[in-house]
Amino acid sequence: MGYPGSTPSWQTIFNQPVRRKVFLSHSHIHERENAAFLRDFGDVFIAKQLGIFGNEDFINSTDTNYVMQCVRSRYVQDSTVTIVLIGSCVHSRRYIDLEIKASLRQGADSLPNGLLGITLPSTNGNAVLPERFEQNWKQWNSNCYAHFQPYPASKEQLRIWIEGAYARRRTHSHLISNSRDMWGYNRECRIHGVTH
């Protein structure tokens, strides 16, 4: 049994579940929780993320188009799903906006990444969605490209969510909204009492 509208690709091959290449979009603000997510669920997917190798993959440029091109070619292009780990002020980070924009980019010969937002436990349900993510999501995950979920209760639950995002690349890409300009700077955090 698979995600509605999907092929049963998450079923086991040689008794091993399929592991998708997933780009993790996250902020260093929540480094402990990001690391815990990887520790708890890293065997469900193959992680691709900026900063995974420390500073050696840092893109030192103020040219947002160049940075997006680098993020797209080095990380996003080699993945099929983007998971945005949503913490208290992630909505205000320019790199998150840039990574979501790069993930949603479609080409004549390429599909966009599936888009899945997951709240980190520290938010206690009080997270503001990044604007570009919110433009691609509707309440109850109904008839939209992006899906927004709480922290997963199990590896199997996360695997099903990833497969759903993977399937929507083909079935829901016509719903993508990605024309808004990229941010040139971080914005103010809109969670009361939190500053970063």
N, C-alpha and C. Protein backbone atom coordinates (compact mmCIF):
# COMPACT_ATOMS: atom_id res chain seq x y z
N MET A 1 0.85 -1.18 0.00
CA MET A 1 0.00 0.00 0.00
C MET A 1 0.89 1.23 0.00
N GLY A 2 0.66 2.17 -0.90
CA GLY A 2 1.48 3.37 -1.00
C GLY A 2 0.67 4.62 -0.77
N TYR A 3 1.31 5.73 -0.93
CA TYR A 3 0.66 7.04 -0.84
C TYR A 3 -0.30 7.15 -2.02
N PRO A 4 -1.50 7.72 -1.81
CA PRO A 4 -2.47 7.82 -2.91
C PRO A 4 -1.85 8.49 -4.14
N GLY A 5 -2.02 7.85 -5.28
CA GLY A 5 -1.52 8.41 -6.53
C GLY A 5 -0.06 8.11 -6.79
N SER A 6 0.57 7.35 -5.92
CA SER A 6 1.99 7.06 -6.10
C SER A 6 2.18 5.61 -6.50
N THR A 7 3.34 5.34 -7.05
CA THR A 7 3.69 3.95 -7.27
C THR A 7 4.18 3.40 -5.93
N PRO A 8 4.15 2.10 -5.73
CA PRO A 8 4.56 1.56 -4.43
C PRO A 8 6.08 1.53 -4.28
N SER A 9 6.73 2.67 -4.62
CA SER A 9 8.18 2.72 -4.63
C SER A 9 8.79 2.66 -3.24
N TRP A 10 8.04 2.96 -2.20
CA TRP A 10 8.59 2.92 -0.85
C TRP A 10 8.62 1.50 -0.30
N GLN A 11 8.00 0.59 -1.04
CA GLN A 11 8.05 -0.80 -0.60
C GLN A 11 9.47 -1.32 -0.73
N THR A 12 9.71 -2.39 -0.08
CA THR A 12 11.08 -2.88 0.00
C THR A 12 11.58 -3.46 -1.32
N ILE A 13 12.85 -3.22 -1.56
CA ILE A 13 13.58 -3.84 -2.66
C ILE A 13 14.67 -4.66 -1.99
N PHE A 14 14.66 -5.95 -2.21
CA PHE A 14 15.59 -6.85 -1.53
C PHE A 14 15.51 -6.64 -0.01
N ASN A 15 14.28 -6.52 0.50
CA ASN A 15 14.01 -6.37 1.92
C ASN A 15 14.55 -5.07 2.52
N GLN A 16 14.86 -4.08 1.70
CA GLN A 16 15.32 -2.77 2.18
C GLN A 16 14.40 -1.69 1.62
N PRO A 17 13.89 -0.80 2.47
CA PRO A 17 13.05 0.29 1.95
C PRO A 17 13.86 1.23 1.06
N VAL A 18 13.19 1.84 0.10
CA VAL A 18 13.82 2.82 -0.78
C VAL A 18 14.22 4.02 0.08
N ARG A 19 15.42 4.53 -0.14
CA ARG A 19 15.89 5.74 0.56
C ARG A 19 16.07 6.84 -0.47
N ARG A 20 15.23 7.87 -0.41
CA ARG A 20 15.31 8.99 -1.33
C ARG A 20 16.44 9.92 -0.93
N LYS A 21 16.99 10.64 -1.92
CA LYS A 21 17.96 11.69 -1.63
C LYS A 21 17.16 12.93 -1.22
N VAL A 22 17.39 13.39 0.00
CA VAL A 22 16.61 14.48 0.58
C VAL A 22 17.53 15.65 0.92
N PHE A 23 17.18 16.83 0.40
CA PHE A 23 17.90 18.03 0.79
C PHE A 23 17.25 18.58 2.05
N LEU A 24 18.05 18.74 3.11
CA LEU A 24 17.56 19.29 4.37
C LEU A 24 17.81 20.79 4.41
N SER A 25 16.75 21.55 4.46
CA SER A 25 16.83 23.00 4.59
C SER A 25 16.60 23.31 6.06
N HIS A 26 17.60 23.90 6.70
CA HIS A 26 17.51 24.15 8.14
C HIS A 26 18.36 25.34 8.51
N SER A 27 18.17 25.82 9.72
CA SER A 27 18.95 26.95 10.22
C SER A 27 19.89 26.48 11.32
N HIS A 28 21.09 27.06 11.36
CA HIS A 28 22.05 26.72 12.41
C HIS A 28 21.53 27.11 13.80
N ILE A 29 20.51 27.95 13.85
CA ILE A 29 19.90 28.34 15.13
C ILE A 29 19.44 27.12 15.92
N HIS A 30 19.01 26.10 15.20
CA HIS A 30 18.45 24.90 15.83
C HIS A 30 19.37 23.69 15.61
N GLU A 31 20.65 23.91 15.70
CA GLU A 31 21.62 22.87 15.35
C GLU A 31 21.44 21.57 16.13
N ARG A 32 21.14 21.67 17.42
CA ARG A 32 20.95 20.45 18.23
C ARG A 32 19.75 19.64 17.74
N GLU A 33 18.66 20.33 17.46
CA GLU A 33 17.47 19.62 16.99
C GLU A 33 17.67 19.08 15.57
N ASN A 34 18.38 19.83 14.73
CA ASN A 34 18.68 19.34 13.38
C ASN A 34 19.50 18.05 13.47
N ALA A 35 20.51 18.06 14.35
CA ALA A 35 21.36 16.87 14.54
C ALA A 35 20.55 15.70 15.10
N ALA A 36 19.62 15.99 16.00
CA ALA A 36 18.78 14.92 16.56
C ALA A 36 17.87 14.33 15.48
N PHE A 37 17.34 15.18 14.60
CA PHE A 37 16.51 14.69 13.50
C PHE A 37 17.32 13.74 12.62
N LEU A 38 18.54 14.13 12.28
CA LEU A 38 19.41 13.27 11.47
C LEU A 38 19.75 11.97 12.20
N ARG A 39 20.02 12.08 13.48
CA ARG A 39 20.35 10.88 14.27
C ARG A 39 19.15 9.92 14.34
N ASP A 40 17.96 10.48 14.55
CA ASP A 40 16.76 9.65 14.71
C ASP A 40 16.21 9.10 13.40
N PHE A 41 16.38 9.86 12.30
CA PHE A 41 15.72 9.49 11.04
C PHE A 41 16.67 9.38 9.85
N GLY A 42 17.96 9.55 10.06
CA GLY A 42 18.92 9.59 8.96
C GLY A 42 18.99 8.33 8.13
N ASP A 43 18.53 7.20 8.67
CA ASP A 43 18.56 5.97 7.87
C ASP A 43 17.31 5.81 7.00
N VAL A 44 16.39 6.78 7.07
CA VAL A 44 15.19 6.75 6.23
C VAL A 44 15.48 7.35 4.86
N PHE A 45 16.45 8.26 4.78
CA PHE A 45 16.76 8.96 3.54
C PHE A 45 18.26 9.17 3.44
N ILE A 46 18.71 9.63 2.27
CA ILE A 46 20.11 10.00 2.06
C ILE A 46 20.17 11.52 2.15
N ALA A 47 20.85 12.02 3.17
CA ALA A 47 20.85 13.46 3.46
C ALA A 47 21.79 14.24 2.55
N LYS A 48 21.27 15.35 2.04
CA LYS A 48 22.04 16.35 1.31
C LYS A 48 21.76 17.66 2.03
N GLN A 49 22.80 18.35 2.46
CA GLN A 49 22.56 19.62 3.14
C GLN A 49 23.76 20.52 3.09
N LEU A 50 23.49 21.79 3.03
CA LEU A 50 24.52 22.81 3.09
C LEU A 50 25.08 22.80 4.50
N GLY A 51 26.39 22.75 4.63
CA GLY A 51 27.01 22.75 5.95
C GLY A 51 27.29 21.37 6.50
N ILE A 52 26.96 20.33 5.75
CA ILE A 52 27.20 18.98 6.24
C ILE A 52 28.69 18.68 6.40
N PHE A 53 29.53 19.38 5.63
CA PHE A 53 30.96 19.18 5.73
C PHE A 53 31.65 20.37 6.40
N GLY A 54 30.95 21.05 7.31
CA GLY A 54 31.53 22.19 7.99
C GLY A 54 31.62 23.38 7.06
N ASN A 55 32.72 24.13 7.13
CA ASN A 55 32.86 25.34 6.33
C ASN A 55 33.34 25.09 4.91
N GLU A 56 33.75 23.87 4.59
CA GLU A 56 34.30 23.63 3.26
C GLU A 56 33.29 23.81 2.14
N ASP A 57 31.97 23.73 2.46
CA ASP A 57 30.99 23.94 1.40
C ASP A 57 30.23 25.25 1.59
N PHE A 58 30.77 26.16 2.38
CA PHE A 58 30.16 27.48 2.55
C PHE A 58 30.31 28.28 1.26
N ILE A 59 29.23 28.91 0.83
CA ILE A 59 29.25 29.70 -0.41
C ILE A 59 29.46 31.16 -0.02
N ASN A 60 30.64 31.65 -0.27
CA ASN A 60 31.02 33.00 0.15
C ASN A 60 30.71 34.01 -0.96
N SER A 61 29.47 34.50 -0.98
CA SER A 61 29.08 35.47 -1.99
C SER A 61 27.86 36.23 -1.50
N THR A 62 27.74 37.49 -1.90
CA THR A 62 26.54 38.27 -1.60
C THR A 62 25.59 38.31 -2.80
N ASP A 63 25.98 37.69 -3.90
CA ASP A 63 25.16 37.62 -5.11
C ASP A 63 24.14 36.49 -4.94
N THR A 64 22.88 36.83 -4.66
CA THR A 64 21.88 35.80 -4.36
C THR A 64 21.64 34.87 -5.55
N ASN A 65 21.71 35.37 -6.77
CA ASN A 65 21.54 34.50 -7.93
C ASN A 65 22.66 33.46 -8.01
N TYR A 66 23.90 33.89 -7.75
CA TYR A 66 25.04 32.96 -7.76
C TYR A 66 24.90 31.93 -6.64
N VAL A 67 24.52 32.39 -5.44
CA VAL A 67 24.37 31.48 -4.31
C VAL A 67 23.28 30.45 -4.63
N MET A 68 22.15 30.90 -5.20
CA MET A 68 21.09 29.96 -5.53
C MET A 68 21.55 28.95 -6.58
N GLN A 69 22.29 29.42 -7.56
CA GLN A 69 22.81 28.52 -8.59
C GLN A 69 23.71 27.46 -7.95
N CYS A 70 24.57 27.87 -7.01
CA CYS A 70 25.45 26.92 -6.32
C CYS A 70 24.66 25.93 -5.48
N VAL A 71 23.69 26.42 -4.72
CA VAL A 71 22.86 25.54 -3.89
C VAL A 71 22.14 24.54 -4.79
N ARG A 72 21.57 25.03 -5.88
CA ARG A 72 20.84 24.16 -6.81
C ARG A 72 21.75 23.09 -7.41
N SER A 73 22.91 23.50 -7.93
CA SER A 73 23.77 22.55 -8.63
C SER A 73 24.51 21.60 -7.68
N ARG A 74 24.88 22.06 -6.48
CA ARG A 74 25.65 21.22 -5.56
C ARG A 74 24.80 20.31 -4.68
N TYR A 75 23.58 20.75 -4.35
CA TYR A 75 22.81 20.02 -3.36
C TYR A 75 21.42 19.62 -3.83
N VAL A 76 20.63 20.60 -4.26
CA VAL A 76 19.24 20.34 -4.60
C VAL A 76 19.12 19.48 -5.85
N GLN A 77 19.93 19.74 -6.86
CA GLN A 77 19.84 19.00 -8.13
C GLN A 77 20.05 17.51 -7.94
N ASP A 78 20.81 17.14 -6.93
CA ASP A 78 21.10 15.73 -6.68
C ASP A 78 20.14 15.13 -5.65
N SER A 79 18.99 15.77 -5.45
CA SER A 79 17.99 15.25 -4.51
C SER A 79 16.62 15.32 -5.18
N THR A 80 15.65 14.67 -4.58
CA THR A 80 14.30 14.67 -5.15
C THR A 80 13.25 15.27 -4.22
N VAL A 81 13.58 15.38 -2.93
CA VAL A 81 12.67 15.93 -1.94
C VAL A 81 13.44 16.91 -1.07
N THR A 82 12.82 18.02 -0.72
CA THR A 82 13.38 18.96 0.24
C THR A 82 12.54 18.94 1.51
N ILE A 83 13.20 18.71 2.64
CA ILE A 83 12.54 18.82 3.94
C ILE A 83 13.02 20.10 4.59
N VAL A 84 12.07 20.97 4.95
CA VAL A 84 12.39 22.20 5.68
C VAL A 84 12.12 21.92 7.15
N LEU A 85 13.17 21.94 7.97
CA LEU A 85 13.02 21.76 9.41
C LEU A 85 12.66 23.13 10.00
N ILE A 86 11.43 23.25 10.46
CA ILE A 86 10.88 24.55 10.84
C ILE A 86 10.98 24.76 12.34
N GLY A 87 11.86 25.68 12.71
CA GLY A 87 12.02 26.10 14.09
C GLY A 87 11.43 27.48 14.28
N SER A 88 11.64 28.05 15.45
CA SER A 88 10.99 29.31 15.83
C SER A 88 11.21 30.46 14.85
N CYS A 89 12.41 30.66 14.36
CA CYS A 89 12.67 31.82 13.50
C CYS A 89 13.14 31.44 12.09
N VAL A 90 12.94 30.20 11.71
CA VAL A 90 13.37 29.74 10.38
C VAL A 90 12.70 30.56 9.28
N HIS A 91 11.47 31.01 9.52
CA HIS A 91 10.74 31.80 8.52
C HIS A 91 11.45 33.10 8.16
N SER A 92 12.36 33.57 8.99
CA SER A 92 13.00 34.86 8.76
C SER A 92 14.39 34.76 8.13
N ARG A 93 14.85 33.53 7.81
CA ARG A 93 16.20 33.33 7.30
C ARG A 93 16.23 33.34 5.78
N ARG A 94 17.09 34.16 5.21
CA ARG A 94 17.15 34.30 3.75
C ARG A 94 17.61 33.03 3.06
N TYR A 95 18.51 32.26 3.69
CA TYR A 95 18.96 31.03 3.06
C TYR A 95 17.83 30.00 2.96
N ILE A 96 16.93 30.00 3.91
CA ILE A 96 15.78 29.09 3.84
C ILE A 96 14.93 29.45 2.62
N ASP A 97 14.66 30.76 2.46
CA ASP A 97 13.89 31.20 1.29
C ASP A 97 14.59 30.80 0.00
N LEU A 98 15.88 31.00 -0.05
CA LEU A 98 16.66 30.68 -1.24
C LEU A 98 16.63 29.17 -1.53
N GLU A 99 16.76 28.36 -0.48
CA GLU A 99 16.76 26.90 -0.67
C GLU A 99 15.39 26.40 -1.13
N ILE A 100 14.33 27.00 -0.61
CA ILE A 100 12.99 26.61 -1.07
C ILE A 100 12.80 27.03 -2.53
N LYS A 101 13.22 28.23 -2.88
CA LYS A 101 13.11 28.69 -4.28
C LYS A 101 13.87 27.75 -5.21
N ALA A 102 15.11 27.39 -4.83
CA ALA A 102 15.91 26.48 -5.66
C ALA A 102 15.23 25.11 -5.76
N SER A 103 14.61 24.66 -4.69
CA SER A 103 13.94 23.35 -4.69
C SER A 103 12.72 23.32 -5.60
N LEU A 104 12.02 24.45 -5.70
CA LEU A 104 10.79 24.51 -6.50
C LEU A 104 11.04 24.82 -7.97
N ARG A 105 12.27 25.14 -8.31
CA ARG A 105 12.57 25.50 -9.70
C ARG A 105 12.34 24.30 -10.62
N GLN A 106 11.63 24.57 -11.72
CA GLN A 106 11.35 23.55 -12.71
C GLN A 106 12.06 23.89 -14.00
N GLY A 107 12.50 22.87 -14.69
CA GLY A 107 13.13 23.07 -15.99
C GLY A 107 12.45 22.21 -17.03
N ALA A 108 12.82 22.42 -18.29
CA ALA A 108 12.22 21.65 -19.37
C ALA A 108 12.52 20.16 -19.21
N ASP A 109 13.67 19.85 -18.63
CA ASP A 109 14.06 18.45 -18.49
C ASP A 109 14.25 18.03 -17.03
N SER A 110 13.71 18.82 -16.11
CA SER A 110 13.88 18.45 -14.70
C SER A 110 12.62 18.75 -13.90
N LEU A 111 12.37 17.91 -12.93
CA LEU A 111 11.24 18.09 -12.03
C LEU A 111 11.70 18.89 -10.81
N PRO A 112 10.77 19.60 -10.17
CA PRO A 112 11.12 20.27 -8.91
C PRO A 112 11.29 19.22 -7.82
N ASN A 113 11.83 19.62 -6.70
CA ASN A 113 11.87 18.74 -5.53
C ASN A 113 10.50 18.74 -4.88
N GLY A 114 10.12 17.60 -4.32
CA GLY A 114 8.95 17.59 -3.47
C GLY A 114 9.25 18.45 -2.26
N LEU A 115 8.25 19.05 -1.63
CA LEU A 115 8.48 19.98 -0.53
C LEU A 115 7.68 19.56 0.70
N LEU A 116 8.42 19.31 1.79
CA LEU A 116 7.83 18.84 3.04
C LEU A 116 8.37 19.68 4.18
N GLY A 117 7.49 20.30 4.95
CA GLY A 117 7.89 21.07 6.14
C GLY A 117 7.59 20.26 7.39
N ILE A 118 8.55 20.23 8.31
CA ILE A 118 8.38 19.49 9.57
C ILE A 118 8.74 20.42 10.72
N THR A 119 7.85 20.56 11.68
CA THR A 119 8.14 21.42 12.82
C THR A 119 9.07 20.71 13.79
N LEU A 120 9.99 21.46 14.34
CA LEU A 120 10.89 20.95 15.36
C LEU A 120 10.18 20.95 16.71
N PRO A 121 10.54 20.03 17.60
CA PRO A 121 9.83 19.93 18.89
C PRO A 121 9.84 21.21 19.72
N SER A 122 10.90 22.01 19.64
CA SER A 122 11.00 23.21 20.47
C SER A 122 9.96 24.27 20.12
N THR A 123 9.31 24.17 18.97
CA THR A 123 8.33 25.18 18.58
C THR A 123 7.02 25.05 19.37
N ASN A 124 6.76 23.88 19.91
CA ASN A 124 5.49 23.63 20.62
C ASN A 124 4.29 24.07 19.77
N GLY A 125 4.40 23.88 18.46
CA GLY A 125 3.31 24.24 17.56
C GLY A 125 3.20 25.72 17.29
N ASN A 126 4.18 26.51 17.72
CA ASN A 126 4.13 27.96 17.55
C ASN A 126 5.12 28.43 16.50
N ALA A 127 5.16 27.76 15.37
CA ALA A 127 6.08 28.10 14.30
C ALA A 127 5.37 28.89 13.21
N VAL A 128 6.08 29.86 12.66
CA VAL A 128 5.59 30.61 11.50
C VAL A 128 6.23 29.98 10.27
N LEU A 129 5.43 29.69 9.26
CA LEU A 129 5.96 29.08 8.05
C LEU A 129 6.74 30.11 7.22
N PRO A 130 7.83 29.69 6.58
CA PRO A 130 8.51 30.58 5.63
C PRO A 130 7.51 30.99 4.53
N GLU A 131 7.58 32.26 4.10
CA GLU A 131 6.60 32.79 3.14
C GLU A 131 6.50 31.94 1.87
N ARG A 132 7.64 31.58 1.28
CA ARG A 132 7.61 30.83 0.02
C ARG A 132 7.00 29.44 0.23
N PHE A 133 7.25 28.84 1.40
CA PHE A 133 6.63 27.56 1.72
C PHE A 133 5.13 27.74 1.84
N GLU A 134 4.72 28.77 2.59
CA GLU A 134 3.30 29.01 2.83
C GLU A 134 2.53 29.27 1.54
N GLN A 135 3.18 29.88 0.54
CA GLN A 135 2.54 30.12 -0.75
C GLN A 135 2.20 28.81 -1.47
N ASN A 136 2.85 27.74 -1.09
CA ASN A 136 2.67 26.45 -1.76
C ASN A 136 1.95 25.43 -0.89
N TRP A 137 1.36 25.90 0.21
CA TRP A 137 0.69 25.02 1.16
C TRP A 137 -0.72 25.54 1.45
N LYS A 138 -1.64 24.62 1.70
CA LYS A 138 -2.98 24.97 2.16
C LYS A 138 -3.28 24.16 3.41
N GLN A 139 -4.11 24.73 4.26
CA GLN A 139 -4.47 24.05 5.50
C GLN A 139 -5.03 22.66 5.20
N TRP A 140 -4.69 21.72 6.05
CA TRP A 140 -5.06 20.31 5.93
C TRP A 140 -4.31 19.63 4.78
N ASN A 141 -3.27 20.27 4.25
CA ASN A 141 -2.48 19.69 3.15
C ASN A 141 -3.37 19.31 1.97
N SER A 142 -4.39 20.11 1.72
CA SER A 142 -5.38 19.80 0.71
C SER A 142 -5.09 20.51 -0.62
N ASN A 143 -4.95 19.73 -1.68
CA ASN A 143 -4.78 20.25 -3.04
C ASN A 143 -3.71 21.34 -3.12
N CYS A 144 -2.51 21.00 -2.67
CA CYS A 144 -1.40 21.94 -2.69
C CYS A 144 -0.10 21.17 -2.95
N TYR A 145 0.96 21.90 -3.24
CA TYR A 145 2.23 21.24 -3.54
C TYR A 145 2.99 20.86 -2.28
N ALA A 146 3.14 21.80 -1.35
CA ALA A 146 3.89 21.54 -0.12
C ALA A 146 2.99 20.90 0.92
N HIS A 147 3.56 20.05 1.74
CA HIS A 147 2.85 19.50 2.90
C HIS A 147 3.59 19.88 4.16
N PHE A 148 2.84 20.14 5.22
CA PHE A 148 3.36 20.60 6.50
C PHE A 148 2.94 19.59 7.57
N GLN A 149 3.92 19.09 8.33
CA GLN A 149 3.64 18.03 9.29
C GLN A 149 4.31 18.34 10.63
N PRO A 150 3.79 17.73 11.70
CA PRO A 150 4.47 17.82 12.99
C PRO A 150 5.71 16.92 12.96
N TYR A 151 6.49 16.94 14.01
CA TYR A 151 7.66 16.07 14.10
C TYR A 151 7.19 14.62 13.98
N PRO A 152 7.85 13.80 13.16
CA PRO A 152 7.35 12.43 12.94
C PRO A 152 7.40 11.57 14.21
N ALA A 153 6.40 10.71 14.32
CA ALA A 153 6.32 9.80 15.46
C ALA A 153 7.09 8.51 15.20
N SER A 154 7.38 8.24 13.92
CA SER A 154 8.10 7.01 13.58
C SER A 154 8.83 7.16 12.25
N LYS A 155 9.75 6.27 12.00
CA LYS A 155 10.47 6.26 10.72
C LYS A 155 9.52 5.94 9.58
N GLU A 156 8.59 5.04 9.82
CA GLU A 156 7.65 4.67 8.76
C GLU A 156 6.75 5.84 8.39
N GLN A 157 6.34 6.62 9.38
CA GLN A 157 5.52 7.80 9.11
C GLN A 157 6.30 8.79 8.24
N LEU A 158 7.55 9.04 8.59
CA LEU A 158 8.37 9.95 7.81
C LEU A 158 8.58 9.41 6.39
N ARG A 159 8.80 8.12 6.26
CA ARG A 159 9.00 7.51 4.94
C ARG A 159 7.77 7.73 4.06
N ILE A 160 6.59 7.59 4.62
CA ILE A 160 5.35 7.80 3.87
C ILE A 160 5.23 9.27 3.45
N TRP A 161 5.57 10.19 4.36
CA TRP A 161 5.52 11.62 4.01
C TRP A 161 6.49 11.95 2.88
N ILE A 162 7.69 11.38 2.94
CA ILE A 162 8.69 11.62 1.89
C ILE A 162 8.19 11.08 0.56
N GLU A 163 7.62 9.90 0.57
CA GLU A 163 7.09 9.32 -0.67
C GLU A 163 5.94 10.16 -1.23
N GLY A 164 5.12 10.73 -0.35
CA GLY A 164 4.05 11.61 -0.80
C GLY A 164 4.62 12.85 -1.49
N ALA A 165 5.66 13.45 -0.90
CA ALA A 165 6.31 14.62 -1.50
C ALA A 165 6.95 14.24 -2.83
N TYR A 166 7.56 13.07 -2.89
CA TYR A 166 8.18 12.58 -4.12
C TYR A 166 7.12 12.43 -5.23
N ALA A 167 5.97 11.88 -4.90
CA ALA A 167 4.90 11.67 -5.88
C ALA A 167 4.31 12.99 -6.36
N ARG A 168 4.21 14.00 -5.48
CA ARG A 168 3.60 15.28 -5.87
C ARG A 168 4.45 16.04 -6.89
N ARG A 169 5.72 15.67 -7.06
CA ARG A 169 6.55 16.29 -8.09
C ARG A 169 5.90 16.14 -9.46
N ARG A 170 5.25 15.01 -9.69
CA ARG A 170 4.60 14.74 -10.98
C ARG A 170 3.12 15.10 -10.98
N THR A 171 2.46 14.91 -9.84
CA THR A 171 1.01 15.09 -9.81
C THR A 171 0.54 16.50 -9.45
N HIS A 172 1.39 17.28 -8.77
CA HIS A 172 0.94 18.58 -8.27
C HIS A 172 1.86 19.75 -8.66
N SER A 173 2.81 19.54 -9.54
CA SER A 173 3.77 20.62 -9.86
C SER A 173 3.09 21.83 -10.50
N HIS A 174 1.92 21.64 -11.09
CA HIS A 174 1.19 22.76 -11.68
C HIS A 174 0.69 23.74 -10.61
N LEU A 175 0.72 23.35 -9.34
CA LEU A 175 0.27 24.21 -8.24
C LEU A 175 1.39 25.04 -7.62
N ILE A 176 2.61 24.89 -8.13
CA ILE A 176 3.76 25.59 -7.54
C ILE A 176 3.67 27.09 -7.79
N SER A 177 3.93 27.85 -6.73
CA SER A 177 4.04 29.31 -6.80
C SER A 177 5.48 29.66 -6.39
N ASN A 178 6.27 30.17 -7.34
CA ASN A 178 7.69 30.40 -7.06
C ASN A 178 8.22 31.65 -7.76
N SER A 179 7.37 32.61 -8.06
CA SER A 179 7.80 33.77 -8.83
C SER A 179 8.33 34.91 -7.97
N ARG A 180 8.08 34.88 -6.68
CA ARG A 180 8.52 35.96 -5.79
C ARG A 180 10.04 36.09 -5.80
N ASP A 181 10.53 37.34 -5.77
CA ASP A 181 11.98 37.59 -5.75
C ASP A 181 12.62 36.99 -4.51
N MET A 182 13.90 36.63 -4.64
CA MET A 182 14.67 36.11 -3.50
C MET A 182 14.99 37.23 -2.54
N TRP A 183 15.16 36.88 -1.29
CA TRP A 183 15.54 37.85 -0.28
C TRP A 183 17.03 38.14 -0.37
N GLY A 184 17.41 39.37 -0.09
CA GLY A 184 18.82 39.73 -0.06
C GLY A 184 19.37 39.76 1.35
N TYR A 185 18.50 39.56 2.35
CA TYR A 185 18.92 39.65 3.75
C TYR A 185 17.92 38.90 4.62
N ASN A 186 18.31 38.61 5.87
CA ASN A 186 17.39 38.00 6.83
C ASN A 186 16.32 39.01 7.21
N ARG A 187 15.19 38.51 7.64
CA ARG A 187 14.10 39.38 8.10
C ARG A 187 13.91 39.23 9.60
N GLU A 188 13.05 40.04 10.13
CA GLU A 188 12.79 40.00 11.57
C GLU A 188 11.98 38.75 11.92
N CYS A 189 12.38 38.11 13.02
CA CYS A 189 11.64 36.95 13.50
C CYS A 189 10.30 37.42 14.06
N ARG A 190 9.22 36.75 13.65
CA ARG A 190 7.88 37.17 14.04
C ARG A 190 7.32 36.39 15.22
N ILE A 191 8.16 35.58 15.87
CA ILE A 191 7.72 34.88 17.08
C ILE A 191 8.00 35.80 18.26
N HIS A 192 6.98 36.17 18.99
CA HIS A 192 7.12 37.12 20.09
C HIS A 192 8.11 36.60 21.15
N GLY A 193 9.06 37.44 21.50
CA GLY A 193 10.00 37.10 22.56
C GLY A 193 11.20 36.31 22.10
N VAL A 194 11.32 36.03 20.78
CA VAL A 194 12.46 35.28 20.26
C VAL A 194 13.23 36.19 19.32
N THR A 195 14.54 36.32 19.54
CA THR A 195 15.38 37.10 18.63
C THR A 195 16.56 36.27 18.20
N HIS A 196 16.88 36.37 16.93
CA HIS A 196 18.05 35.65 16.39
C HIS A 196 18.67 36.53 15.33
